[in-house]
């Protein structure tokens, strides 16, 4: 039972960390797209 709990905690931690990186990368992509749109609007 203890091994199962440790396995689940490690697995959930890895999923949570990978999700954070994904959301962070998505935020950067959206920011760059906004800058490109803003730059095009200024022209």
N, C-alpha and C. Protein backbone atom coordinates (compact mmCIF):
# COMPACT_ATOMS: atom_id res chain seq x y z
N UNK A 1 0.83 -1.20 0.00
CA UNK A 1 0.00 0.00 0.00
C UNK A 1 0.87 1.26 0.00
N UNK A 2 1.96 1.22 0.75
CA UNK A 2 2.84 2.38 0.83
C UNK A 2 3.49 2.65 -0.53
N UNK A 3 3.87 1.59 -1.23
CA UNK A 3 4.49 1.77 -2.55
C UNK A 3 3.50 2.39 -3.53
N UNK A 4 2.26 1.97 -3.45
CA UNK A 4 1.23 2.51 -4.33
C UNK A 4 1.03 4.01 -4.06
N UNK A 5 1.03 4.38 -2.81
CA UNK A 5 0.86 5.79 -2.45
C UNK A 5 2.02 6.62 -2.98
N UNK A 6 3.24 6.12 -2.81
CA UNK A 6 4.42 6.84 -3.30
C UNK A 6 4.37 6.94 -4.82
N UNK A 7 4.00 5.87 -5.48
CA UNK A 7 3.90 5.88 -6.94
C UNK A 7 2.88 6.91 -7.42
N UNK A 8 1.73 6.96 -6.77
CA UNK A 8 0.70 7.91 -7.16
C UNK A 8 1.15 9.35 -6.92
N UNK A 9 1.80 9.60 -5.81
CA UNK A 9 2.28 10.95 -5.51
C UNK A 9 3.32 11.39 -6.54
N UNK A 10 4.25 10.51 -6.86
CA UNK A 10 5.28 10.86 -7.86
C UNK A 10 4.65 11.09 -9.23
N UNK A 11 3.73 10.23 -9.62
CA UNK A 11 3.07 10.37 -10.92
C UNK A 11 2.28 11.67 -11.01
N UNK A 12 1.51 11.97 -9.97
CA UNK A 12 0.73 13.21 -9.98
C UNK A 12 1.63 14.44 -9.97
N UNK A 13 2.74 14.36 -9.27
CA UNK A 13 3.68 15.48 -9.25
C UNK A 13 4.27 15.73 -10.63
N UNK A 14 4.63 14.66 -11.31
CA UNK A 14 5.20 14.81 -12.66
C UNK A 14 4.17 15.39 -13.61
N UNK A 15 2.93 14.96 -13.51
CA UNK A 15 1.88 15.50 -14.37
C UNK A 15 1.63 16.98 -14.09
N UNK A 16 1.63 17.33 -12.82
CA UNK A 16 1.41 18.73 -12.45
C UNK A 16 2.53 19.62 -12.96
N UNK A 17 3.77 19.15 -12.84
CA UNK A 17 4.90 19.95 -13.31
C UNK A 17 4.90 20.09 -14.83
N UNK A 18 4.55 19.04 -15.53
CA UNK A 18 4.51 19.13 -16.99
C UNK A 18 3.38 20.05 -17.43
N UNK A 19 2.29 20.06 -16.71
CA UNK A 19 1.17 20.95 -17.04
C UNK A 19 1.57 22.40 -16.84
N UNK A 20 2.33 22.67 -15.79
CA UNK A 20 2.79 24.04 -15.54
C UNK A 20 3.64 24.54 -16.71
N UNK A 21 4.54 23.69 -17.19
CA UNK A 21 5.38 24.09 -18.31
C UNK A 21 4.55 24.31 -19.56
N UNK A 22 3.55 23.51 -19.77
CA UNK A 22 2.70 23.64 -20.94
C UNK A 22 1.93 24.96 -20.89
N UNK A 23 1.36 25.27 -19.75
CA UNK A 23 0.59 26.50 -19.61
C UNK A 23 1.52 27.71 -19.74
N UNK A 24 2.71 27.62 -19.18
CA UNK A 24 3.67 28.71 -19.29
C UNK A 24 4.05 28.95 -20.75
N UNK A 25 4.31 27.88 -21.48
CA UNK A 25 4.66 28.00 -22.90
C UNK A 25 3.51 28.56 -23.71
N UNK A 26 2.30 28.15 -23.39
CA UNK A 26 1.13 28.67 -24.08
C UNK A 26 0.98 30.17 -23.84
N UNK A 27 1.23 30.59 -22.61
CA UNK A 27 1.17 32.01 -22.28
C UNK A 27 2.18 32.81 -23.08
N UNK A 28 3.37 32.28 -23.23
CA UNK A 28 4.41 32.97 -24.02
C UNK A 28 3.99 33.06 -25.48
N UNK A 29 3.42 31.99 -26.03
CA UNK A 29 2.97 32.00 -27.42
C UNK A 29 1.88 33.04 -27.64
N UNK A 30 0.94 33.11 -26.72
CA UNK A 30 -0.15 34.09 -26.84
C UNK A 30 0.41 35.51 -26.74
N UNK A 31 1.38 35.70 -25.86
CA UNK A 31 1.99 37.03 -25.72
C UNK A 31 2.69 37.45 -27.01
N UNK A 32 3.43 36.53 -27.63
CA UNK A 32 4.12 36.85 -28.88
C UNK A 32 3.13 37.15 -30.00
N UNK A 33 2.04 36.40 -30.04
CA UNK A 33 1.02 36.65 -31.06
C UNK A 33 0.39 38.02 -30.86
N UNK A 34 0.15 38.39 -29.60
CA UNK A 34 -0.40 39.71 -29.30
C UNK A 34 0.54 40.82 -29.71
N UNK A 35 1.82 40.62 -29.49
CA UNK A 35 2.81 41.62 -29.90
C UNK A 35 2.83 41.77 -31.41
N UNK A 36 2.74 40.64 -32.12
CA UNK A 36 2.73 40.70 -33.59
C UNK A 36 1.50 41.42 -34.11
N UNK A 37 0.35 41.16 -33.50
CA UNK A 37 -0.88 41.84 -33.92
C UNK A 37 -0.79 43.32 -33.61
N UNK A 38 -0.25 43.65 -32.44
CA UNK A 38 -0.11 45.03 -32.05
C UNK A 38 0.85 45.78 -32.99
N UNK A 39 1.93 45.11 -33.36
CA UNK A 39 2.89 45.71 -34.28
C UNK A 39 2.28 45.94 -35.65
N UNK A 40 1.47 45.00 -36.11
CA UNK A 40 0.83 45.14 -37.42
C UNK A 40 -0.21 46.26 -37.39
N UNK A 41 -0.87 46.44 -36.27
CA UNK A 41 -1.89 47.48 -36.15
C UNK A 41 -1.26 48.87 -36.15
N UNK A 42 -0.04 48.99 -35.66
CA UNK A 42 0.63 50.29 -35.60
C UNK A 42 1.08 50.75 -36.98
N UNK A 43 1.27 49.82 -37.92
CA UNK A 43 1.72 50.18 -39.26
C UNK A 43 0.63 50.76 -40.02
